[in-house]
Amino acid sequence: MVYNICMVSDFFYPNVGGVEEHIFNLSQCLIQRGHKVIVLTHAYKDRVGIRYMTNGLKVYYCPIRTFYNQSILPTMVCSMPLVRHILLREQIAIVHGHSAFSALAHETMMIARLLGLKVIIHLVS
């Protein structure tokens, strides 16, 4: 069975780190197995909008401001329309959140549950 999967975290390229590397490598493995994978993260300076990476990995750099340590301010309401639109547009079946410190991951997973989607959290510190 092929799934449309959304990886979501406040931490992704162009930053370099363990969570960023894990999301990228896991996404590449899932793409090689035939799944459609997108990454949802916040904007990084000039990186806003949709970018494509290796093997067609689609990355949404959402225009959401960061609050502290590259994490967004958890509001639940500010990002809801945008996140909902992306999840529905991409016909996502599974949302995979990364990092215990990613407010964007927690917010997106709550929105996904409201939409009846399956969610997975990977707690990385």
PDB file of N, CA and C in Angstrom:
ATOM      1  N   MET A   1       0.837  -1.175   0.000  1.00  0.00           N
ATOM      2  CA  MET A   1       0.000   0.000   0.000  1.00  0.00           C
ATOM      3  C   MET A   1       0.888   1.246   0.000  1.00  0.00           C
ATOM      4  N   VAL A   2       0.509   2.232  -0.781  1.00  0.00           N
ATOM      5  CA  VAL A   2       1.262   3.481  -0.893  1.00  0.00           C
ATOM      6  C   VAL A   2       0.533   4.562  -0.094  1.00  0.00           C
ATOM      7  N   TYR A   3       1.288   5.321   0.691  1.00  0.00           N
ATOM      8  CA  TYR A   3       0.719   6.377   1.523  1.00  0.00           C
ATOM      9  C   TYR A   3       1.285   7.739   1.152  1.00  0.00           C
ATOM     10  N   ASN A   4       0.488   8.775   1.407  1.00  0.00           N
ATOM     11  CA  ASN A   4       0.961  10.157   1.342  1.00  0.00           C
ATOM     12  C   ASN A   4       1.294  10.558   2.774  1.00  0.00           C
ATOM     13  N   ILE A   5       2.562  10.871   3.009  1.00  0.00           N
ATOM     14  CA  ILE A   5       3.069  11.094   4.361  1.00  0.00           C
ATOM     15  C   ILE A   5       3.605  12.516   4.485  1.00  0.00           C
ATOM     16  N   CYS A   6       3.287  13.146   5.600  1.00  0.00           N
ATOM     17  CA  CYS A   6       3.799  14.488   5.895  1.00  0.00           C
ATOM     18  C   CYS A   6       4.736  14.411   7.093  1.00  0.00           C
ATOM     19  N   MET A   7       6.003  14.731   6.866  1.00  0.00           N
ATOM     20  CA  MET A   7       6.977  14.867   7.952  1.00  0.00           C
ATOM     21  C   MET A   7       6.908  16.316   8.408  1.00  0.00           C
ATOM     22  N   VAL A   8       6.808  16.541   9.705  1.00  0.00           N
ATOM     23  CA  VAL A   8       6.682  17.922  10.178  1.00  0.00           C
ATOM     24  C   VAL A   8       7.576  18.166  11.386  1.00  0.00           C
ATOM     25  N   SER A   9       8.275  19.296  11.336  1.00  0.00           N
ATOM     26  CA  SER A   9       9.141  19.698  12.441  1.00  0.00           C
ATOM     27  C   SER A   9       9.563  21.151  12.249  1.00  0.00           C
ATOM     28  N   ASP A  10       9.896  21.780  13.354  1.00  0.00           N
ATOM     29  CA  ASP A  10      10.481  23.119  13.280  1.00  0.00           C
ATOM     30  C   ASP A  10      11.922  23.054  12.796  1.00  0.00           C
ATOM     31  N   PHE A  11      12.501  21.881  12.807  1.00  0.00           N
ATOM     32  CA  PHE A  11      13.921  21.722  12.516  1.00  0.00           C
ATOM     33  C   PHE A  11      14.120  20.978  11.202  1.00  0.00           C
ATOM     34  N   PHE A  12      14.631  21.687  10.189  1.00  0.00           N
ATOM     35  CA  PHE A  12      14.909  21.078   8.890  1.00  0.00           C
ATOM     36  C   PHE A  12      15.927  21.940   8.168  1.00  0.00           C
ATOM     37  N   TYR A  13      16.380  21.468   7.001  1.00  0.00           N
ATOM     38  CA  TYR A  13      17.363  22.210   6.220  1.00  0.00           C
ATOM     39  C   TYR A  13      16.832  23.601   5.915  1.00  0.00           C
ATOM     40  N   PRO A  14      17.652  24.613   5.906  1.00  0.00           N
ATOM     41  CA  PRO A  14      19.101  24.599   5.774  1.00  0.00           C
ATOM     42  C   PRO A  14      19.860  24.385   7.080  1.00  0.00           C
ATOM     43  N   ASN A  15      19.157  24.304   8.221  1.00  0.00           N
ATOM     44  CA  ASN A  15      19.869  23.974   9.456  1.00  0.00           C
ATOM     45  C   ASN A  15      20.403  22.555   9.373  1.00  0.00           C
ATOM     46  N   VAL A  16      21.482  22.304  10.080  1.00  0.00           N
ATOM     47  CA  VAL A  16      22.087  20.973  10.085  1.00  0.00           C
ATOM     48  C   VAL A  16      22.057  20.444  11.509  1.00  0.00           C
ATOM     49  N   GLY A  17      21.585  19.220  11.657  1.00  0.00           N
ATOM     50  CA  GLY A  17      21.523  18.601  12.975  1.00  0.00           C
ATOM     51  C   GLY A  17      20.939  17.212  12.885  1.00  0.00           C
ATOM     52  N   GLY A  18      20.812  16.566  14.008  1.00  0.00           N
ATOM     53  CA  GLY A  18      20.329  15.191  14.052  1.00  0.00           C
ATOM     54  C   GLY A  18      18.893  15.029  13.582  1.00  0.00           C
ATOM     55  N   VAL A  19      18.004  15.891  14.062  1.00  0.00           N
ATOM     56  CA  VAL A  19      16.595  15.810  13.663  1.00  0.00           C
ATOM     57  C   VAL A  19      16.461  16.085  12.171  1.00  0.00           C
ATOM     58  N   GLU A  20      17.153  17.110  11.696  1.00  0.00           N
ATOM     59  CA  GLU A  20      17.098  17.480  10.278  1.00  0.00           C
ATOM     60  C   GLU A  20      17.573  16.326   9.395  1.00  0.00           C
ATOM     61  N   GLU A  21      18.677  15.720   9.792  1.00  0.00           N
ATOM     62  CA  GLU A  21      19.243  14.599   9.029  1.00  0.00           C
ATOM     63  C   GLU A  21      18.313  13.386   9.064  1.00  0.00           C
ATOM     64  N   HIS A  22      17.732  13.120  10.231  1.00  0.00           N
ATOM     65  CA  HIS A  22      16.815  11.984  10.376  1.00  0.00           C
ATOM     66  C   HIS A  22      15.587  12.146   9.472  1.00  0.00           C
ATOM     67  N   ILE A  23      14.997  13.331   9.468  1.00  0.00           N
ATOM     68  CA  ILE A  23      13.815  13.574   8.635  1.00  0.00           C
ATOM     69  C   ILE A  23      14.157  13.388   7.162  1.00  0.00           C
ATOM     70  N   PHE A  24      15.272  13.959   6.735  1.00  0.00           N
ATOM     71  CA  PHE A  24      15.669  13.847   5.330  1.00  0.00           C
ATOM     72  C   PHE A  24      15.916  12.387   4.942  1.00  0.00           C
ATOM     73  N   ASN A  25      16.686  11.656   5.740  1.00  0.00           N
ATOM     74  CA  ASN A  25      17.008  10.262   5.406  1.00  0.00           C
ATOM     75  C   ASN A  25      15.778   9.360   5.444  1.00  0.00           C
ATOM     76  N   LEU A  26      14.924   9.525   6.445  1.00  0.00           N
ATOM     77  CA  LEU A  26      13.699   8.730   6.520  1.00  0.00           C
ATOM     78  C   LEU A  26      12.794   9.029   5.326  1.00  0.00           C
ATOM     79  N   SER A  27      12.703  10.291   4.956  1.00  0.00           N
ATOM     80  CA  SER A  27      11.895  10.673   3.790  1.00  0.00           C
ATOM     81  C   SER A  27      12.424  10.025   2.517  1.00  0.00           C
ATOM     82  N   GLN A  28      13.740  10.032   2.342  1.00  0.00           N
ATOM     83  CA  GLN A  28      14.344   9.421   1.152  1.00  0.00           C
ATOM     84  C   GLN A  28      14.062   7.918   1.100  1.00  0.00           C
ATOM     85  N   CYS A  29      14.150   7.242   2.240  1.00  0.00           N
ATOM     86  CA  CYS A  29      13.858   5.801   2.281  1.00  0.00           C
ATOM     87  C   CYS A  29      12.394   5.524   1.939  1.00  0.00           C
ATOM     88  N   LEU A  30      11.487   6.337   2.454  1.00  0.00           N
ATOM     89  CA  LEU A  30      10.065   6.149   2.160  1.00  0.00           C
ATOM     90  C   LEU A  30       9.759   6.423   0.693  1.00  0.00           C
ATOM     91  N   ILE A  31      10.404   7.423   0.105  1.00  0.00           N
ATOM     92  CA  ILE A  31      10.222   7.708  -1.322  1.00  0.00           C
ATOM     93  C   ILE A  31      10.708   6.530  -2.154  1.00  0.00           C
ATOM     94  N   GLN A  32      11.842   5.952  -1.785  1.00  0.00           N
ATOM     95  CA  GLN A  32      12.372   4.793  -2.512  1.00  0.00           C
ATOM     96  C   GLN A  32      11.438   3.596  -2.423  1.00  0.00           C
ATOM     97  N   ARG A  33      10.636   3.517  -1.367  1.00  0.00           N
ATOM     98  CA  ARG A  33       9.660   2.433  -1.218  1.00  0.00           C
ATOM     99  C   ARG A  33       8.342   2.741  -1.929  1.00  0.00           C
ATOM    100  N   GLY A  34       8.262   3.903  -2.586  1.00  0.00           N
ATOM    101  CA  GLY A  34       7.090   4.226  -3.388  1.00  0.00           C
ATOM    102  C   GLY A  34       6.092   5.168  -2.748  1.00  0.00           C
ATOM    103  N   HIS A  35       6.341   5.615  -1.529  1.00  0.00           N
ATOM    104  CA  HIS A  35       5.423   6.532  -0.864  1.00  0.00           C
ATOM    105  C   HIS A  35       5.658   7.967  -1.333  1.00  0.00           C
ATOM    106  N   LYS A  36       4.633   8.787  -1.217  1.00  0.00           N
ATOM    107  CA  LYS A  36       4.773  10.216  -1.495  1.00  0.00           C
ATOM    108  C   LYS A  36       5.022  10.898  -0.151  1.00  0.00           C
ATOM    109  N   VAL A  37       6.100  11.665  -0.067  1.00  0.00           N
ATOM    110  CA  VAL A  37       6.479  12.302   1.196  1.00  0.00           C
ATOM    111  C   VAL A  37       6.655  13.801   0.984  1.00  0.00           C
ATOM    112  N   ILE A  38       6.086  14.579   1.902  1.00  0.00           N
ATOM    113  CA  ILE A  38       6.349  16.015   1.933  1.00  0.00           C
ATOM    114  C   ILE A  38       6.900  16.357   3.312  1.00  0.00           C
ATOM    115  N   VAL A  39       7.589  17.482   3.399  1.00  0.00           N
ATOM    116  CA  VAL A  39       8.081  17.989   4.679  1.00  0.00           C
ATOM    117  C   VAL A  39       7.435  19.343   4.916  1.00  0.00           C
ATOM    118  N   LEU A  40       6.963  19.554   6.130  1.00  0.00           N
ATOM    119  CA  LEU A  40       6.337  20.811   6.518  1.00  0.00           C
ATOM    120  C   LEU A  40       7.182  21.438   7.625  1.00  0.00           C
ATOM    121  N   THR A  41       7.671  22.641   7.385  1.00  0.00           N
ATOM    122  CA  THR A  41       8.491  23.353   8.364  1.00  0.00           C
ATOM    123  C   THR A  41       8.237  24.848   8.218  1.00  0.00           C
ATOM    124  N   HIS A  42       8.857  25.638   9.071  1.00  0.00           N
ATOM    125  CA  HIS A  42       8.691  27.094   8.975  1.00  0.00           C
ATOM    126  C   HIS A  42       9.739  27.678   8.036  1.00  0.00           C
ATOM    127  N   ALA A  43       9.539  28.923   7.655  1.00  0.00           N
ATOM    128  CA  ALA A  43      10.465  29.607   6.747  1.00  0.00           C
ATOM    129  C   ALA A  43      11.809  29.846   7.430  1.00  0.00           C
ATOM    130  N   TYR A  44      12.855  29.808   6.622  1.00  0.00           N
ATOM    131  CA  TYR A  44      14.207  30.129   7.078  1.00  0.00           C
ATOM    132  C   TYR A  44      14.719  31.276   6.220  1.00  0.00           C
ATOM    133  N   LYS A  45      14.739  32.485   6.768  1.00  0.00           N
ATOM    134  CA  LYS A  45      15.198  33.690   6.070  1.00  0.00           C
ATOM    135  C   LYS A  45      14.591  33.787   4.673  1.00  0.00           C
ATOM    136  N   ASP A  46      15.369  33.502   3.620  1.00  0.00           N
ATOM    137  CA  ASP A  46      14.866  33.642   2.246  1.00  0.00           C
ATOM    138  C   ASP A  46      14.161  32.388   1.743  1.00  0.00           C
ATOM    139  N   ARG A  47      14.114  31.333   2.523  1.00  0.00           N
ATOM    140  CA  ARG A  47      13.433  30.101   2.104  1.00  0.00           C
ATOM    141  C   ARG A  47      11.978  30.143   2.556  1.00  0.00           C
ATOM    142  N   VAL A  48      11.119  30.526   1.638  1.00  0.00           N
ATOM    143  CA  VAL A  48       9.681  30.575   1.887  1.00  0.00           C
ATOM    144  C   VAL A  48       9.000  29.960   0.680  1.00  0.00           C
ATOM    145  N   GLY A  49       7.949  29.206   0.915  1.00  0.00           N
ATOM    146  CA  GLY A  49       7.231  28.589  -0.195  1.00  0.00           C
ATOM    147  C   GLY A  49       7.618  27.132  -0.352  1.00  0.00           C
ATOM    148  N   ILE A  50       7.485  26.637  -1.576  1.00  0.00           N
ATOM    149  CA  ILE A  50       7.733  25.223  -1.864  1.00  0.00           C
ATOM    150  C   ILE A  50       9.089  25.070  -2.529  1.00  0.00           C
ATOM    151  N   ARG A  51       9.865  24.136  -2.039  1.00  0.00           N
ATOM    152  CA  ARG A  51      11.162  23.784  -2.631  1.00  0.00           C
ATOM    153  C   ARG A  51      11.192  22.279  -2.832  1.00  0.00           C
ATOM    154  N   TYR A  52      11.965  21.845  -3.814  1.00  0.00           N
ATOM    155  CA  TYR A  52      12.131  20.415  -4.062  1.00  0.00           C
ATOM    156  C   TYR A  52      13.564  20.011  -3.778  1.00  0.00           C
ATOM    157  N   MET A  53      13.716  18.854  -3.140  1.00  0.00           N
ATOM    158  CA  MET A  53      15.039  18.336  -2.816  1.00  0.00           C
ATOM    159  C   MET A  53      15.246  17.024  -3.574  1.00  0.00           C
ATOM    160  N   THR A  54      16.258  16.279  -3.203  1.00  0.00           N
ATOM    161  CA  THR A  54      16.621  15.021  -3.843  1.00  0.00           C
ATOM    162  C   THR A  54      15.424  14.079  -3.953  1.00  0.00           C
ATOM    163  N   ASN A  55      15.317  13.403  -5.088  1.00  0.00           N
ATOM    164  CA  ASN A  55      14.254  12.423  -5.369  1.00  0.00           C
ATOM    165  C   ASN A  55      12.850  13.021  -5.298  1.00  0.00           C
ATOM    166  N   GLY A  56      12.727  14.307  -5.525  1.00  0.00           N
ATOM    167  CA  GLY A  56      11.407  14.933  -5.561  1.00  0.00           C
ATOM    168  C   GLY A  56      10.787  15.192  -4.204  1.00  0.00           C
ATOM    169  N   LEU A  57      11.591  15.201  -3.147  1.00  0.00           N
ATOM    170  CA  LEU A  57      11.062  15.504  -1.816  1.00  0.00           C
ATOM    171  C   LEU A  57      10.580  16.955  -1.805  1.00  0.00           C
ATOM    172  N   LYS A  58       9.287  17.121  -1.571  1.00  0.00           N
ATOM    173  CA  LYS A  58       8.660  18.444  -1.586  1.00  0.00           C
ATOM    174  C   LYS A  58       8.685  19.022  -0.175  1.00  0.00           C
ATOM    175  N   VAL A  59       9.229  20.230  -0.039  1.00  0.00           N
ATOM    176  CA  VAL A  59       9.347  20.867   1.271  1.00  0.00           C
ATOM    177  C   VAL A  59       8.538  22.159   1.274  1.00  0.00           C
ATOM    178  N   TYR A  60       7.625  22.263   2.222  1.00  0.00           N
ATOM    179  CA  TYR A  60       6.850  23.486   2.428  1.00  0.00           C
ATOM    180  C   TYR A  60       7.531  24.306   3.518  1.00  0.00           C
ATOM    181  N   TYR A  61       8.101  25.446   3.128  1.00  0.00           N
ATOM    182  CA  TYR A  61       8.655  26.400   4.088  1.00  0.00           C
ATOM    183  C   TYR A  61       7.565  27.435   4.348  1.00  0.00           C
ATOM    184  N   CYS A  62       6.779  27.218   5.390  1.00  0.00           N
ATOM    185  CA  CYS A  62       5.611  28.053   5.672  1.00  0.00           C
ATOM    186  C   CYS A  62       6.015  29.391   6.288  1.00  0.00           C
ATOM    187  N   PRO A  63       5.321  30.460   5.907  1.00  0.00           N
ATOM    188  CA  PRO A  63       5.652  31.794   6.430  1.00  0.00           C
ATOM    189  C   PRO A  63       5.160  31.981   7.863  1.00  0.00           C
ATOM    190  N   ILE A  64       5.752  31.212   8.766  1.00  0.00           N
ATOM    191  CA  ILE A  64       5.415  31.277  10.190  1.00  0.00           C
ATOM    192  C   ILE A  64       6.674  31.727  10.927  1.00  0.00           C
ATOM    193  N   ARG A  65       6.540  32.755  11.757  1.00  0.00           N
ATOM    194  CA  ARG A  65       7.706  33.272  12.483  1.00  0.00           C
ATOM    195  C   ARG A  65       8.122  32.337  13.616  1.00  0.00           C
ATOM    196  N   THR A  66       9.420  32.330  13.869  1.00  0.00           N
ATOM    197  CA  THR A  66       9.923  31.547  14.997  1.00  0.00           C
ATOM    198  C   THR A  66       9.929  32.419  16.245  1.00  0.00           C
ATOM    199  N   PHE A  67       9.843  31.766  17.375  1.00  0.00           N
ATOM    200  CA  PHE A  67       9.761  32.456  18.656  1.00  0.00           C
ATOM    201  C   PHE A  67      11.059  32.303  19.443  1.00  0.00           C
ATOM    202  N   TYR A  68      11.492  31.067  19.638  1.00  0.00           N
ATOM    203  CA  TYR A  68      12.691  30.796  20.427  1.00  0.00           C
ATOM    204  C   TYR A  68      13.348  29.520  19.928  1.00  0.00           C
ATOM    205  N   ASN A  69      14.653  29.551  19.739  1.00  0.00           N
ATOM    206  CA  ASN A  69      15.434  28.370  19.384  1.00  0.00           C
ATOM    207  C   ASN A  69      14.885  27.658  18.145  1.00  0.00           C
ATOM    208  N   GLN A  70      14.529  28.422  17.117  1.00  0.00           N
ATOM    209  CA  GLN A  70      14.003  27.906  15.848  1.00  0.00           C
ATOM    210  C   GLN A  70      12.654  27.215  15.987  1.00  0.00           C
ATOM    211  N   SER A  71      11.916  27.474  17.056  1.00  0.00           N
ATOM    212  CA  SER A  71      10.574  26.914  17.221  1.00  0.00           C
ATOM    213  C   SER A  71       9.545  28.030  17.090  1.00  0.00           C
ATOM    214  N   ILE A  72       8.377  27.672  16.584  1.00  0.00           N
ATOM    215  CA  ILE A  72       7.312  28.662  16.452  1.00  0.00           C
ATOM    216  C   ILE A  72       6.631  28.857  17.796  1.00  0.00           C
ATOM    217  N   LEU A  73       5.944  29.969  17.941  1.00  0.00           N
ATOM    218  CA  LEU A  73       5.157  30.229  19.135  1.00  0.00           C
ATOM    219  C   LEU A  73       3.886  29.389  19.040  1.00  0.00           C
ATOM    220  N   PRO A  74       3.645  28.502  20.003  1.00  0.00           N
ATOM    221  CA  PRO A  74       2.464  27.634  19.915  1.00  0.00           C
ATOM    222  C   PRO A  74       1.174  28.418  20.143  1.00  0.00           C
ATOM    223  N   THR A  75       0.423  28.629  19.075  1.00  0.00           N
ATOM    224  CA  THR A  75      -0.840  29.366  19.167  1.00  0.00           C
ATOM    225  C   THR A  75      -2.042  28.516  18.762  1.00  0.00           C
ATOM    226  N   MET A  76      -1.837  27.508  17.956  1.00  0.00           N
ATOM    227  CA  MET A  76      -2.870  26.614  17.425  1.00  0.00           C
ATOM    228  C   MET A  76      -3.767  27.280  16.392  1.00  0.00           C
ATOM    229  N   VAL A  77      -4.048  28.548  16.517  1.00  0.00           N
ATOM    230  CA  VAL A  77      -5.007  29.160  15.598  1.00  0.00           C
ATOM    231  C   VAL A  77      -4.347  29.862  14.420  1.00  0.00           C
ATOM    232  N   CYS A  78      -3.151  30.380  14.598  1.00  0.00           N
ATOM    233  CA  CYS A  78      -2.514  31.152  13.523  1.00  0.00           C
ATOM    234  C   CYS A  78      -2.143  30.292  12.326  1.00  0.00           C
ATOM    235  N   SER A  79      -1.631  29.107  12.578  1.00  0.00           N
ATOM    236  CA  SER A  79      -1.174  28.255  11.480  1.00  0.00           C
ATOM    237  C   SER A  79      -2.239  27.271  11.002  1.00  0.00           C
ATOM    238  N   MET A  80      -3.361  27.178  11.704  1.00  0.00           N
ATOM    239  CA  MET A  80      -4.363  26.158  11.386  1.00  0.00           C
ATOM    240  C   MET A  80      -4.873  26.202   9.940  1.00  0.00           C
ATOM    241  N   PRO A  81      -5.285  27.352   9.400  1.00  0.00           N
ATOM    242  CA  PRO A  81      -5.796  27.345   8.021  1.00  0.00           C
ATOM    243  C   PRO A  81      -4.748  26.893   7.000  1.00  0.00           C
ATOM    244  N   LEU A  82      -3.519  27.343   7.167  1.00  0.00           N
ATOM    245  CA  LEU A  82      -2.455  26.975   6.232  1.00  0.00           C
ATOM    246  C   LEU A  82      -2.124  25.488   6.320  1.00  0.00           C
ATOM    247  N   VAL A  83      -1.955  24.983   7.526  1.00  0.00           N
ATOM    248  CA  VAL A  83      -1.627  23.565   7.713  1.00  0.00           C
ATOM    249  C   VAL A  83      -2.762  22.688   7.200  1.00  0.00           C
ATOM    250  N   ARG A  84      -3.994  23.044   7.517  1.00  0.00           N
ATOM    251  CA  ARG A  84      -5.154  22.277   7.041  1.00  0.00           C
ATOM    252  C   ARG A  84      -5.180  22.238   5.518  1.00  0.00           C
ATOM    253  N   HIS A  85      -4.944  23.387   4.894  1.00  0.00           N
ATOM    254  CA  HIS A  85      -4.935  23.469   3.430  1.00  0.00           C
ATOM    255  C   HIS A  85      -3.872  22.539   2.831  1.00  0.00           C
ATOM    256  N   ILE A  86      -2.683  22.543   3.390  1.00  0.00           N
ATOM    257  CA  ILE A  86      -1.601  21.695   2.869  1.00  0.00           C
ATOM    258  C   ILE A  86      -1.939  20.220   3.041  1.00  0.00           C
ATOM    259  N   LEU A  87      -2.427  19.836   4.217  1.00  0.00           N
ATOM    260  CA  LEU A  87      -2.758  18.427   4.460  1.00  0.00           C
ATOM    261  C   LEU A  87      -3.842  17.934   3.503  1.00  0.00           C
ATOM    262  N   LEU A  88      -4.851  18.762   3.256  1.00  0.00           N
ATOM    263  CA  LEU A  88      -5.927  18.368   2.343  1.00  0.00           C
ATOM    264  C   LEU A  88      -5.462  18.397   0.889  1.00  0.00           C
ATOM    265  N   ARG A  89      -4.717  19.416   0.511  1.00  0.00           N
ATOM    266  CA  ARG A  89      -4.228  19.547  -0.867  1.00  0.00           C
ATOM    267  C   ARG A  89      -3.349  18.366  -1.264  1.00  0.00           C
ATOM    268  N   GLU A  90      -2.483  17.945  -0.349  1.00  0.00           N
ATOM    269  CA  GLU A  90      -1.556  16.845  -0.627  1.00  0.00           C
ATOM    270  C   GLU A  90      -2.167  15.470  -0.353  1.00  0.00           C
ATOM    271  N   GLN A  91      -3.414  15.447   0.094  1.00  0.00           N
ATOM    272  CA  GLN A  91      -4.132  14.205   0.405  1.00  0.00           C
ATOM    273  C   GLN A  91      -3.323  13.323   1.359  1.00  0.00           C
ATOM    274  N   ILE A  92      -2.858  13.932   2.427  1.00  0.00           N
ATOM    275  CA  ILE A  92      -2.018  13.255   3.408  1.00  0.00           C
ATOM    276  C   ILE A  92      -2.844  12.240   4.193  1.00  0.00           C
ATOM    277  N   ALA A  93      -2.266  11.060   4.406  1.00  0.00           N
ATOM    278  CA  ALA A  93      -2.902  10.012   5.201  1.00  0.00           C
ATOM    279  C   ALA A  93      -2.237   9.871   6.569  1.00  0.00           C
ATOM    280  N   ILE A  94      -0.927  10.147   6.627  1.00  0.00           N
ATOM    281  CA  ILE A  94      -0.157   9.987   7.861  1.00  0.00           C
ATOM    282  C   ILE A  94       0.668  11.246   8.104  1.00  0.00           C
ATOM    283  N   VAL A  95       0.594  11.770   9.324  1.00  0.00           N
ATOM    284  CA  VAL A  95       1.428  12.901   9.731  1.00  0.00           C
ATOM    285  C   VAL A  95       2.433  12.382  10.745  1.00  0.00           C
ATOM    286  N   HIS A  96       3.715  12.588  10.457  1.00  0.00           N
ATOM    287  CA  HIS A  96       4.803  12.113  11.319  1.00  0.00           C
ATOM    288  C   HIS A  96       5.515  13.326  11.898  1.00  0.00           C
ATOM    289  N   GLY A  97       5.270  13.600  13.178  1.00  0.00           N
ATOM    290  CA  GLY A  97       5.896  14.723  13.855  1.00  0.00           C
ATOM    291  C   GLY A  97       7.230  14.332  14.458  1.00  0.00           C
ATOM    292  N   HIS A  98       8.180  15.249  14.410  1.00  0.00           N
ATOM    293  CA  HIS A  98       9.530  14.990  14.910  1.00  0.00           C
ATOM    294  C   HIS A  98       9.918  16.029  15.946  1.00  0.00           C
ATOM    295  N   SER A  99      10.459  15.580  17.061  1.00  0.00           N
ATOM    296  CA  SER A  99      11.050  16.377  18.134  1.00  0.00           C
ATOM    297  C   SER A  99      10.018  16.825  19.167  1.00  0.00           C
ATOM    298  N   ALA A 100      10.347  16.564  20.408  1.00  0.00           N
ATOM    299  CA  ALA A 100       9.496  16.967  21.524  1.00  0.00           C
ATOM    300  C   ALA A 100       9.423  18.483  21.655  1.00  0.00           C
ATOM    301  N   PHE A 101      10.412  19.187  21.103  1.00  0.00           N
ATOM    302  CA  PHE A 101      10.482  20.639  21.244  1.00  0.00           C
ATOM    303  C   PHE A 101       9.944  21.387  20.030  1.00  0.00           C
ATOM    304  N   SER A 102       9.277  20.691  19.115  1.00  0.00           N
ATOM    305  CA  SER A 102       8.745  21.319  17.916  1.00  0.00           C
ATOM    306  C   SER A 102       7.265  21.640  18.098  1.00  0.00           C
ATOM    307  N   ALA A 103       6.970  22.916  18.322  1.00  0.00           N
ATOM    308  CA  ALA A 103       5.575  23.338  18.462  1.00  0.00           C
ATOM    309  C   ALA A 103       4.809  23.111  17.161  1.00  0.00           C
ATOM    310  N   LEU A 104       5.472  23.313  16.018  1.00  0.00           N
ATOM    311  CA  LEU A 104       4.823  23.093  14.726  1.00  0.00           C
ATOM    312  C   LEU A 104       4.397  21.634  14.571  1.00  0.00           C
ATOM    313  N   ALA A 105       5.226  20.711  15.029  1.00  0.00           N
ATOM    314  CA  ALA A 105       4.876  19.289  14.946  1.00  0.00           C
ATOM    315  C   ALA A 105       3.645  18.987  15.797  1.00  0.00           C
ATOM    316  N   HIS A 106       3.612  19.495  17.022  1.00  0.00           N
ATOM    317  CA  HIS A 106       2.476  19.238  17.909  1.00  0.00           C
ATOM    318  C   HIS A 106       1.193  19.868  17.369  1.00  0.00           C
ATOM    319  N   GLU A 107       1.285  21.096  16.879  1.00  0.00           N
ATOM    320  CA  GLU A 107       0.103  21.756  16.317  1.00  0.00           C
ATOM    321  C   GLU A 107      -0.417  21.011  15.092  1.00  0.00           C
ATOM    322  N   THR A 108       0.489  20.614  14.204  1.00  0.00           N
ATOM    323  CA  THR A 108       0.082  19.911  12.983  1.00  0.00           C
ATOM    324  C   THR A 108      -0.548  18.568  13.314  1.00  0.00           C
ATOM    325  N   MET A 109      -0.016  17.879  14.307  1.00  0.00           N
ATOM    326  CA  MET A 109      -0.597  16.587  14.684  1.00  0.00           C
ATOM    327  C   MET A 109      -1.989  16.753  15.275  1.00  0.00           C
ATOM    328  N   MET A 110      -2.222  17.822  16.038  1.00  0.00           N
ATOM    329  CA  MET A 110      -3.565  18.061  16.569  1.00  0.00           C
ATOM    330  C   MET A 110      -4.546  18.374  15.437  1.00  0.00           C
ATOM    331  N   ILE A 111      -4.110  19.174  14.479  1.00  0.00           N
ATOM    332  CA  ILE A 111      -4.952  19.476  13.317  1.00  0.00           C
ATOM    333  C   ILE A 111      -5.234  18.198  12.532  1.00  0.00           C
ATOM    334  N   ALA A 112      -4.214  17.362  12.362  1.00  0.00           N
ATOM    335  CA  ALA A 112      -4.382  16.096  11.635  1.00  0.00           C
ATOM    336  C   ALA A 112      -5.397  15.196  12.332  1.00  0.00           C
ATOM    337  N   ARG A 113      -5.353  15.129  13.654  1.00  0.00           N
ATOM    338  CA  ARG A 113      -6.320  14.306  14.393  1.00  0.00           C
ATOM    339  C   ARG A 113      -7.737  14.839  14.198  1.00  0.00           C
ATOM    340  N   LEU A 114      -7.890  16.164  14.168  1.00  0.00           N
ATOM    341  CA  LEU A 114      -9.210  16.751  13.920  1.00  0.00           C
ATOM    342  C   LEU A 114      -9.721  16.390  12.529  1.00  0.00           C
ATOM    343  N   LEU A 115      -8.792  16.195  11.581  1.00  0.00           N
ATOM    344  CA  LEU A 115      -9.156  15.799  10.216  1.00  0.00           C
ATOM    345  C   LEU A 115      -9.306  14.288  10.075  1.00  0.00           C
ATOM    346  N   GLY A 116      -9.061  13.549  11.148  1.00  0.00           N
ATOM    347  CA  GLY A 116      -9.197  12.094  11.110  1.00  0.00           C
ATOM    348  C   GLY A 116      -8.002  11.371  10.515  1.00  0.00           C
ATOM    349  N   LEU A 117      -6.845  12.028  10.484  1.00  0.00           N
ATOM    350  CA  LEU A 117      -5.646  11.408   9.919  1.00  0.00           C
ATOM    351  C   LEU A 117      -4.877  10.648  10.995  1.00  0.00           C
ATOM    352  N   LYS A 118      -4.041   9.735  10.558  1.00  0.00           N
ATOM    353  CA  LYS A 118      -3.186   8.993  11.484  1.00  0.00           C
ATOM    354  C   LYS A 118      -1.965   9.844  11.807  1.00  0.00           C
ATOM    355  N   VAL A 119      -1.538   9.797  13.068  1.00  0.00           N
ATOM    356  CA  VAL A 119      -0.379  10.585  13.484  1.00  0.00           C
ATOM    357  C   VAL A 119       0.644   9.711  14.193  1.00  0.00           C
ATOM    358  N   ILE A 120       1.898  10.096  14.022  1.00  0.00           N
ATOM    359  CA  ILE A 120       3.019   9.435  14.683  1.00  0.00           C
ATOM    360  C   ILE A 120       3.889  10.545  15.257  1.00  0.00           C
ATOM    361  N   ILE A 121       4.356  10.377  16.485  1.00  0.00           N
ATOM    362  CA  ILE A 121       5.295  11.343  17.052  1.00  0.00           C
ATOM    363  C   ILE A 121       6.602  10.620  17.336  1.00  0.00           C
ATOM    364  N   HIS A 122       7.684  11.218  16.898  1.00  0.00           N
ATOM    365  CA  HIS A 122       9.027  10.699  17.149  1.00  0.00           C
ATOM    366  C   HIS A 122       9.665  11.678  18.124  1.00  0.00           C
ATOM    367  N   LEU A 123       9.718  11.299  19.389  1.00  0.00           N
ATOM    368  CA  LEU A 123      10.232  12.194  20.422  1.00  0.00           C
ATOM    369  C   LEU A 123      11.745  12.143  20.447  1.00  0.00           C
ATOM    370  N   VAL A 124      12.350  13.196  19.945  1.00  0.00           N
ATOM    371  CA  VAL A 124      13.801  13.335  19.916  1.00  0.00           C
ATOM    372  C   VAL A 124      14.131  14.590  20.698  1.00  0.00           C
ATOM    373  N   SER A 125      15.127  14.527  21.550  1.00  0.00           N
ATOM    374  CA  SER A 125      15.474  15.721  22.331  1.00  0.00           C
ATOM    375  C   SER A 125      16.709  16.390  21.782  1.00  0.00           C
TER     376      SER A 125
END
